[in-house]
Amino acid sequence: MKRSRTAHILLVAIGLGLAVLTLSTSTGQNRRTYEVETQVYGIPVSPSDTTRAIIAYERLMERHMDLTERMATSADADSRALRDHLKAIERHLARLDVRLARIERHFGIAPAGRPMAPVDPNAPGVPAPSHRLAPLPPGLP
């Protein structure tokens, strides 16, 4: 009986094992392929050293062009101011030249490079002798 009992237990264990294997309905048992969910993270593309150097050079050139433009504008304004100042000096020198010519005529001094014409004291336009020079026109230093 002991032998038949061991055989019965062995047969029952084999039967239960086959029953579990055949009746199993677990998911994925009959599948041959597997799906794996993946999540792709976006990594921003970082610029290379060459790209950074090109960008820096472009910024430098833009700043250089702006500076050059500002300097040209400033130089133009300076040249206009200088031109106006030189014109004022030229007008002042022309007045001084006329005044000096009147003084030379009055004292009978010949201008450099030209012979002295005889001075007629009764001629109109000759100023009366005075020891004081005429004042400068207003607005001139």
Protein backbone atom coordinates (compact mmCIF):
# COMPACT_ATOMS: atom_id res chain seq x y z
CA MET A 1 0.00 0.00 0.00
CA LYS A 2 2.80 2.22 0.65
CA ARG A 3 3.86 1.80 -2.90
CA SER A 4 0.45 2.51 -4.27
CA ARG A 5 0.14 5.56 -2.08
CA THR A 6 3.42 7.02 -3.38
CA ALA A 7 2.36 6.24 -6.90
CA HIS A 8 -1.01 7.94 -6.34
CA ILE A 9 0.67 11.03 -4.90
CA LEU A 10 3.11 11.07 -7.78
CA LEU A 11 0.31 10.70 -10.33
CA VAL A 12 -1.75 13.44 -8.64
CA ALA A 13 1.27 15.79 -8.58
CA ILE A 14 1.98 15.16 -12.28
CA GLY A 15 -1.69 15.66 -13.09
CA LEU A 16 -1.89 18.91 -11.19
CA GLY A 17 1.30 20.16 -12.86
CA LEU A 18 -0.11 19.36 -16.31
CA ALA A 19 -3.41 20.97 -15.42
CA VAL A 20 -1.68 24.16 -14.27
CA LEU A 21 0.41 24.28 -17.43
CA THR A 22 -2.51 23.70 -19.80
CA LEU A 23 -5.07 25.86 -18.07
CA SER A 24 -2.81 28.81 -17.46
CA THR A 25 -4.20 31.98 -19.05
CA SER A 26 -1.50 34.46 -18.09
CA THR A 27 -0.97 37.38 -20.44
CA GLY A 28 1.96 37.28 -22.75
CA GLN A 29 2.35 33.51 -22.63
CA ASN A 30 1.62 33.02 -26.33
CA ARG A 31 3.46 36.13 -27.50
CA ARG A 32 6.63 35.93 -29.51
CA THR A 33 7.47 39.70 -29.52
CA TYR A 34 7.65 42.16 -26.69
CA GLU A 35 6.85 45.89 -26.70
CA VAL A 36 8.86 48.20 -24.55
CA GLU A 37 7.56 51.74 -23.93
CA THR A 38 10.33 54.23 -24.35
CA GLN A 39 10.38 57.90 -23.49
CA VAL A 40 12.79 59.99 -25.51
CA TYR A 41 14.04 63.09 -23.77
CA GLY A 42 14.92 66.07 -25.97
CA ILE A 43 18.39 67.37 -25.42
CA PRO A 44 19.01 70.81 -26.94
CA VAL A 45 21.79 70.96 -29.46
CA SER A 46 24.66 72.94 -28.06
CA PRO A 47 26.62 75.07 -30.51
CA SER A 48 30.11 74.04 -31.35
CA ASP A 49 33.16 76.18 -30.63
CA THR A 50 33.29 77.25 -34.26
CA THR A 51 29.67 78.38 -34.18
CA ARG A 52 30.26 80.36 -30.99
CA ALA A 53 33.34 81.98 -32.53
CA ILE A 54 31.39 82.97 -35.65
CA ILE A 55 28.57 84.46 -33.57
CA ALA A 56 31.06 86.42 -31.44
CA TYR A 57 32.82 87.69 -34.58
CA GLU A 58 29.49 88.84 -36.08
CA ARG A 59 28.63 90.73 -32.88
CA LEU A 60 32.09 92.32 -32.88
CA MET A 61 31.71 93.43 -36.50
CA GLU A 62 28.26 94.93 -35.81
CA ARG A 63 29.70 96.91 -32.89
CA HIS A 64 32.63 98.03 -35.06
CA MET A 65 30.28 99.23 -37.81
CA ASP A 66 28.15 101.12 -35.28
CA LEU A 67 31.23 102.74 -33.78
CA THR A 68 32.55 103.69 -37.24
CA GLU A 69 29.20 105.22 -38.15
CA ARG A 70 29.09 107.23 -34.91
CA MET A 71 32.67 108.41 -35.42
CA ALA A 72 31.92 109.47 -39.01
CA THR A 73 28.88 111.43 -37.84
CA SER A 74 30.92 113.04 -35.09
CA ALA A 75 33.75 113.89 -37.50
CA ASP A 76 31.23 115.44 -39.91
CA ALA A 77 29.78 117.61 -37.14
CA ASP A 78 33.28 118.59 -36.02
CA SER A 79 34.32 119.50 -39.56
CA ARG A 80 31.19 121.68 -39.97
CA ALA A 81 31.93 123.47 -36.70
CA LEU A 82 35.55 123.94 -37.75
CA ARG A 83 34.47 125.24 -41.16
CA ASP A 84 32.12 127.77 -39.55
CA HIS A 85 34.85 128.86 -37.15
CA LEU A 86 37.34 129.28 -40.00
CA LYS A 87 34.82 131.34 -41.96
CA ALA A 88 34.36 133.61 -38.94
CA ILE A 89 38.15 133.97 -38.66
CA GLU A 90 38.35 134.74 -42.39
CA ARG A 91 35.69 137.47 -42.06
CA HIS A 92 37.53 138.92 -39.08
CA LEU A 93 40.84 138.87 -40.96
CA ALA A 94 39.21 140.57 -43.95
CA ARG A 95 37.96 143.35 -41.64
CA LEU A 96 41.40 143.64 -40.07
CA ASP A 97 42.95 143.81 -43.55
CA VAL A 98 40.65 146.67 -44.53
CA ARG A 99 41.38 148.41 -41.24
CA LEU A 100 45.14 147.95 -41.65
CA ALA A 101 44.98 149.31 -45.20
CA ARG A 102 43.20 152.43 -43.88
CA ILE A 103 45.84 152.82 -41.15
CA GLU A 104 48.69 152.40 -43.67
CA ARG A 105 47.11 154.95 -45.98
CA HIS A 106 46.66 157.35 -43.11
CA PHE A 107 50.29 157.13 -42.00
CA GLY A 108 51.67 156.87 -45.52
CA ILE A 109 53.15 153.42 -45.14
CA ALA A 110 53.48 151.43 -48.35
CA PRO A 111 52.00 147.94 -48.23
CA ALA A 112 54.53 145.15 -48.74
CA GLY A 113 55.14 144.38 -52.40
CA ARG A 114 53.38 147.49 -53.77
CA PRO A 115 54.64 150.99 -54.26
CA MET A 116 52.87 153.66 -52.25
CA ALA A 117 50.48 155.86 -54.16
CA PRO A 118 50.56 159.50 -53.18
CA VAL A 119 48.03 160.23 -50.46
CA ASP A 120 45.70 163.15 -51.00
CA PRO A 121 44.70 164.45 -47.59
CA ASN A 122 41.63 166.14 -49.06
CA ALA A 123 40.33 162.97 -50.73
CA PRO A 124 37.09 161.55 -49.35
CA GLY A 125 37.29 158.27 -47.47
CA VAL A 126 40.51 159.17 -45.69
CA PRO A 127 39.81 159.16 -41.98
CA ALA A 128 40.65 162.14 -39.88
CA PRO A 129 43.86 161.66 -37.99
CA SER A 130 43.31 160.19 -34.57
CA HIS A 131 45.49 158.39 -32.12
CA ARG A 132 42.78 155.93 -31.26
CA LEU A 133 41.99 152.89 -33.45
CA ALA A 134 38.40 152.09 -34.36
CA PRO A 135 36.79 149.44 -32.16
CA LEU A 136 36.19 145.93 -33.47
CA PRO A 137 32.73 145.13 -34.80
CA PRO A 138 30.38 143.52 -32.28
CA GLY A 139 30.46 139.75 -31.98
CA LEU A 140 34.16 139.40 -32.78
CA PRO A 141 36.72 138.59 -30.10
